[in-house]
Amino acid sequence: MQIQHKGCANMARGSLLVPLCMVATAWIGEAMADASACHSIKDADERAYCLAQARQNHDYCYRMKDADRRNECLAKTKGLRDRCHAIKDHDRRKSCLALT
C-alpha cells in the first residue's frame, strides 16, 4: 500500500506542474528573505515601503505617515498612475510617473 503525501511535488508528479511548483517555491522563499531584511530598518515609513515592495502588498503603504511617500508606494505596488498625480513634490511626482 502506498501512502499519499501532501505537497506540491507529489500532487503534480508526472506533469508540467512540478517545475512550476519549484519555481513558485523558490520565488516565495526569495520574497520572504527580502522582506526579512526590511524588519531591520529603523524608520517606520522606510520599513513599510520596503515591506510593500518586497511582498508586493499595498496594505503596508497605508502605514506610512508621509503622504507623498505613501502615494508613491501605492502607485508602485498597485500600478496606478493616478496616485502619482497626488504627490505634491514636483520632482518626486515626475519620478513616480516615469516608473509607472
N, C-alpha and C. Protein backbone atom coordinates (compact mmCIF):
# COMPACT_ATOMS: atom_id res chain seq x y z
N MET A 1 0.84 -1.18 0.00
CA MET A 1 0.00 0.00 0.00
C MET A 1 0.89 1.24 0.00
N GLN A 2 0.66 2.14 -0.90
CA GLN A 2 1.45 3.36 -1.00
C GLN A 2 0.71 4.49 -0.30
N ILE A 3 1.44 5.22 0.54
CA ILE A 3 0.86 6.34 1.27
C ILE A 3 1.01 7.60 0.44
N GLN A 4 -0.08 8.33 0.29
CA GLN A 4 -0.04 9.60 -0.44
C GLN A 4 0.41 10.70 0.50
N HIS A 5 1.48 11.40 0.15
CA HIS A 5 1.97 12.53 0.93
C HIS A 5 1.42 13.81 0.35
N LYS A 6 1.05 14.70 1.23
CA LYS A 6 0.60 16.01 0.77
C LYS A 6 1.82 16.81 0.38
N GLY A 7 1.68 17.65 -0.62
CA GLY A 7 2.77 18.51 -1.05
C GLY A 7 2.69 18.78 -2.52
N CYS A 8 3.39 19.79 -2.90
CA CYS A 8 3.34 20.25 -4.28
C CYS A 8 3.91 19.21 -5.25
N ALA A 9 5.05 18.60 -4.92
CA ALA A 9 5.71 17.67 -5.83
C ALA A 9 4.87 16.41 -6.05
N ASN A 10 4.32 15.84 -5.00
CA ASN A 10 3.51 14.63 -5.14
C ASN A 10 2.19 14.90 -5.85
N MET A 11 1.63 16.05 -5.59
CA MET A 11 0.36 16.41 -6.18
C MET A 11 0.49 16.55 -7.71
N ALA A 12 1.61 16.99 -8.16
CA ALA A 12 1.77 17.30 -9.58
C ALA A 12 2.73 16.35 -10.28
N ARG A 13 3.06 15.22 -9.66
CA ARG A 13 4.03 14.28 -10.22
C ARG A 13 3.63 13.87 -11.63
N GLY A 14 4.63 13.83 -12.48
CA GLY A 14 4.38 13.38 -13.84
C GLY A 14 3.77 14.42 -14.75
N SER A 15 3.74 15.65 -14.32
CA SER A 15 3.16 16.68 -15.18
C SER A 15 4.08 17.88 -15.25
N LEU A 16 3.66 18.88 -15.94
CA LEU A 16 4.46 20.10 -16.07
C LEU A 16 4.35 20.99 -14.85
N LEU A 17 3.50 20.65 -13.89
CA LEU A 17 3.33 21.48 -12.71
C LEU A 17 4.50 21.38 -11.74
N VAL A 18 5.28 20.30 -11.83
CA VAL A 18 6.41 20.14 -10.91
C VAL A 18 7.40 21.29 -11.06
N PRO A 19 7.86 21.60 -12.29
CA PRO A 19 8.79 22.74 -12.41
C PRO A 19 8.15 24.06 -11.98
N LEU A 20 6.87 24.22 -12.26
CA LEU A 20 6.17 25.43 -11.86
C LEU A 20 6.13 25.55 -10.34
N CYS A 21 5.86 24.45 -9.66
CA CYS A 21 5.84 24.46 -8.20
C CYS A 21 7.22 24.77 -7.63
N MET A 22 8.25 24.25 -8.27
CA MET A 22 9.62 24.51 -7.80
C MET A 22 9.96 25.98 -7.95
N VAL A 23 9.59 26.58 -9.06
CA VAL A 23 9.86 27.99 -9.29
C VAL A 23 9.07 28.84 -8.31
N ALA A 24 7.81 28.51 -8.09
CA ALA A 24 6.98 29.27 -7.15
C ALA A 24 7.53 29.19 -5.74
N THR A 25 7.98 28.02 -5.34
CA THR A 25 8.56 27.85 -4.00
C THR A 25 9.82 28.67 -3.86
N ALA A 26 10.67 28.67 -4.87
CA ALA A 26 11.91 29.47 -4.83
C ALA A 26 11.59 30.95 -4.78
N TRP A 27 10.61 31.40 -5.56
CA TRP A 27 10.24 32.81 -5.60
C TRP A 27 9.69 33.26 -4.25
N ILE A 28 8.85 32.44 -3.64
CA ILE A 28 8.29 32.79 -2.34
C ILE A 28 9.39 32.86 -1.29
N GLY A 29 10.32 31.91 -1.34
CA GLY A 29 11.44 31.93 -0.41
C GLY A 29 12.29 33.17 -0.57
N GLU A 30 12.51 33.59 -1.81
CA GLU A 30 13.30 34.80 -2.08
C GLU A 30 12.58 36.04 -1.59
N ALA A 31 11.27 36.12 -1.81
CA ALA A 31 10.49 37.27 -1.34
C ALA A 31 10.51 37.35 0.17
N MET A 32 10.42 36.22 0.84
CA MET A 32 10.44 36.22 2.29
C MET A 32 11.80 36.65 2.81
N ALA A 33 12.88 36.26 2.11
CA ALA A 33 14.22 36.67 2.51
C ALA A 33 14.38 38.18 2.37
N ASP A 34 13.86 38.75 1.29
CA ASP A 34 13.93 40.19 1.09
C ASP A 34 13.12 40.92 2.16
N ALA A 35 11.95 40.38 2.49
CA ALA A 35 11.09 41.00 3.48
C ALA A 35 11.73 40.96 4.87
N SER A 36 12.48 39.92 5.16
CA SER A 36 13.10 39.82 6.48
C SER A 36 14.15 40.92 6.67
N ALA A 37 14.79 41.34 5.60
CA ALA A 37 15.77 42.43 5.69
C ALA A 37 15.08 43.75 6.00
N CYS A 38 13.83 43.89 5.63
CA CYS A 38 13.07 45.12 5.87
C CYS A 38 12.86 45.37 7.36
N HIS A 39 12.74 44.30 8.12
CA HIS A 39 12.45 44.44 9.55
C HIS A 39 13.58 45.10 10.32
N SER A 40 14.78 45.13 9.75
CA SER A 40 15.91 45.76 10.44
C SER A 40 15.96 47.28 10.22
N ILE A 41 15.10 47.81 9.36
CA ILE A 41 15.06 49.24 9.08
C ILE A 41 14.37 49.95 10.24
N LYS A 42 15.04 50.94 10.79
CA LYS A 42 14.53 51.65 11.98
C LYS A 42 13.38 52.61 11.64
N ASP A 43 13.49 53.37 10.55
CA ASP A 43 12.46 54.34 10.17
C ASP A 43 11.19 53.59 9.76
N ALA A 44 10.09 53.91 10.42
CA ALA A 44 8.82 53.20 10.19
C ALA A 44 8.32 53.34 8.75
N ASP A 45 8.43 54.55 8.17
CA ASP A 45 7.98 54.74 6.79
C ASP A 45 8.84 53.94 5.81
N GLU A 46 10.13 53.96 6.00
CA GLU A 46 11.03 53.21 5.12
C GLU A 46 10.80 51.71 5.25
N ARG A 47 10.57 51.24 6.47
CA ARG A 47 10.29 49.82 6.71
C ARG A 47 8.99 49.41 6.00
N ALA A 48 7.94 50.23 6.13
CA ALA A 48 6.67 49.92 5.47
C ALA A 48 6.83 49.92 3.95
N TYR A 49 7.59 50.87 3.43
CA TYR A 49 7.83 50.94 1.98
C TYR A 49 8.57 49.69 1.51
N CYS A 50 9.59 49.31 2.27
CA CYS A 50 10.37 48.12 1.94
C CYS A 50 9.49 46.87 1.94
N LEU A 51 8.67 46.71 2.96
CA LEU A 51 7.79 45.55 3.04
C LEU A 51 6.76 45.54 1.91
N ALA A 52 6.24 46.70 1.57
CA ALA A 52 5.27 46.79 0.46
C ALA A 52 5.90 46.34 -0.85
N GLN A 53 7.13 46.75 -1.09
CA GLN A 53 7.82 46.38 -2.32
C GLN A 53 8.23 44.91 -2.31
N ALA A 54 8.77 44.44 -1.18
CA ALA A 54 9.25 43.06 -1.10
C ALA A 54 8.11 42.06 -1.21
N ARG A 55 7.00 42.36 -0.59
CA ARG A 55 5.87 41.43 -0.58
C ARG A 55 4.82 41.77 -1.62
N GLN A 56 5.03 42.87 -2.35
CA GLN A 56 4.06 43.34 -3.35
C GLN A 56 2.65 43.40 -2.74
N ASN A 57 2.58 44.04 -1.57
CA ASN A 57 1.33 44.17 -0.84
C ASN A 57 1.13 45.63 -0.48
N HIS A 58 0.15 46.27 -1.12
CA HIS A 58 -0.07 47.71 -0.93
C HIS A 58 -0.59 48.06 0.46
N ASP A 59 -1.03 47.08 1.24
CA ASP A 59 -1.53 47.37 2.59
C ASP A 59 -0.46 48.03 3.46
N TYR A 60 0.80 47.69 3.24
CA TYR A 60 1.89 48.29 4.01
C TYR A 60 2.02 49.79 3.72
N CYS A 61 1.63 50.23 2.55
CA CYS A 61 1.73 51.64 2.18
C CYS A 61 0.86 52.51 3.10
N TYR A 62 -0.26 51.99 3.52
CA TYR A 62 -1.18 52.76 4.36
C TYR A 62 -0.62 53.03 5.76
N ARG A 63 0.44 52.35 6.13
CA ARG A 63 1.08 52.58 7.43
C ARG A 63 1.99 53.81 7.41
N MET A 64 2.26 54.35 6.24
CA MET A 64 3.21 55.45 6.09
C MET A 64 2.57 56.78 6.45
N LYS A 65 3.31 57.61 7.18
CA LYS A 65 2.80 58.92 7.59
C LYS A 65 3.00 59.97 6.51
N ASP A 66 4.11 59.91 5.78
CA ASP A 66 4.41 60.87 4.72
C ASP A 66 3.48 60.61 3.53
N ALA A 67 2.59 61.56 3.26
CA ALA A 67 1.57 61.38 2.22
C ALA A 67 2.17 61.19 0.84
N ASP A 68 3.21 61.95 0.49
CA ASP A 68 3.85 61.80 -0.82
C ASP A 68 4.46 60.41 -0.97
N ARG A 69 5.14 59.96 0.05
CA ARG A 69 5.78 58.65 0.02
C ARG A 69 4.72 57.54 -0.04
N ARG A 70 3.61 57.72 0.68
CA ARG A 70 2.51 56.76 0.67
C ARG A 70 1.91 56.66 -0.73
N ASN A 71 1.68 57.80 -1.37
CA ASN A 71 1.13 57.79 -2.73
C ASN A 71 2.10 57.15 -3.72
N GLU A 72 3.38 57.42 -3.56
CA GLU A 72 4.39 56.79 -4.42
C GLU A 72 4.38 55.27 -4.22
N CYS A 73 4.30 54.84 -2.98
CA CYS A 73 4.25 53.42 -2.66
C CYS A 73 3.03 52.76 -3.29
N LEU A 74 1.89 53.39 -3.15
CA LEU A 74 0.65 52.85 -3.73
C LEU A 74 0.72 52.80 -5.25
N ALA A 75 1.32 53.82 -5.84
CA ALA A 75 1.45 53.84 -7.30
C ALA A 75 2.30 52.67 -7.79
N LYS A 76 3.38 52.38 -7.06
CA LYS A 76 4.27 51.30 -7.48
C LYS A 76 3.68 49.92 -7.21
N THR A 77 3.07 49.71 -6.06
CA THR A 77 2.57 48.38 -5.74
C THR A 77 1.25 48.07 -6.44
N LYS A 78 0.42 49.08 -6.65
CA LYS A 78 -0.86 48.85 -7.33
C LYS A 78 -0.77 49.12 -8.83
N GLY A 79 0.27 49.84 -9.26
CA GLY A 79 0.41 50.18 -10.66
C GLY A 79 -0.58 51.24 -11.11
N LEU A 80 -0.94 52.14 -10.21
CA LEU A 80 -1.91 53.19 -10.52
C LEU A 80 -1.23 54.54 -10.69
N ARG A 81 -1.22 55.05 -11.90
CA ARG A 81 -0.59 56.35 -12.18
C ARG A 81 -1.29 57.50 -11.49
N ASP A 82 -2.58 57.37 -11.22
CA ASP A 82 -3.32 58.49 -10.61
C ASP A 82 -2.78 58.80 -9.22
N ARG A 83 -2.18 57.85 -8.54
CA ARG A 83 -1.56 58.10 -7.24
C ARG A 83 -0.36 59.02 -7.39
N CYS A 84 0.33 58.94 -8.51
CA CYS A 84 1.48 59.82 -8.77
C CYS A 84 1.03 61.28 -8.85
N HIS A 85 -0.13 61.52 -9.43
CA HIS A 85 -0.63 62.89 -9.57
C HIS A 85 -0.97 63.53 -8.22
N ALA A 86 -1.17 62.72 -7.19
CA ALA A 86 -1.48 63.23 -5.86
C ALA A 86 -0.22 63.65 -5.09
N ILE A 87 0.96 63.36 -5.64
CA ILE A 87 2.22 63.72 -4.98
C ILE A 87 2.47 65.21 -5.18
N LYS A 88 2.73 65.93 -4.09
CA LYS A 88 2.90 67.38 -4.14
C LYS A 88 4.28 67.80 -4.61
N ASP A 89 5.32 67.06 -4.20
CA ASP A 89 6.68 67.40 -4.61
C ASP A 89 6.83 67.13 -6.12
N HIS A 90 7.17 68.20 -6.87
CA HIS A 90 7.21 68.13 -8.34
C HIS A 90 8.19 67.06 -8.83
N ASP A 91 9.41 67.03 -8.28
CA ASP A 91 10.42 66.07 -8.75
C ASP A 91 10.02 64.63 -8.43
N ARG A 92 9.48 64.42 -7.26
CA ARG A 92 9.04 63.08 -6.87
C ARG A 92 7.88 62.63 -7.75
N ARG A 93 6.98 63.58 -8.10
CA ARG A 93 5.84 63.25 -8.97
C ARG A 93 6.34 62.81 -10.36
N LYS A 94 7.29 63.56 -10.90
CA LYS A 94 7.84 63.21 -12.21
C LYS A 94 8.52 61.85 -12.18
N SER A 95 9.24 61.59 -11.10
CA SER A 95 9.90 60.30 -10.94
C SER A 95 8.89 59.16 -10.87
N CYS A 96 7.83 59.37 -10.13
CA CYS A 96 6.77 58.37 -10.00
C CYS A 96 6.12 58.09 -11.35
N LEU A 97 5.80 59.13 -12.07
CA LEU A 97 5.16 58.96 -13.38
C LEU A 97 6.07 58.24 -14.36
N ALA A 98 7.36 58.45 -14.24
CA ALA A 98 8.30 57.79 -15.13
C ALA A 98 8.39 56.29 -14.84
N LEU A 99 8.16 55.90 -13.58
CA LEU A 99 8.29 54.49 -13.20
C LEU A 99 7.03 53.68 -13.42
N THR A 100 5.87 54.33 -13.48
CA THR A 100 4.62 53.57 -13.63
C THR A 100 4.11 53.63 -15.04
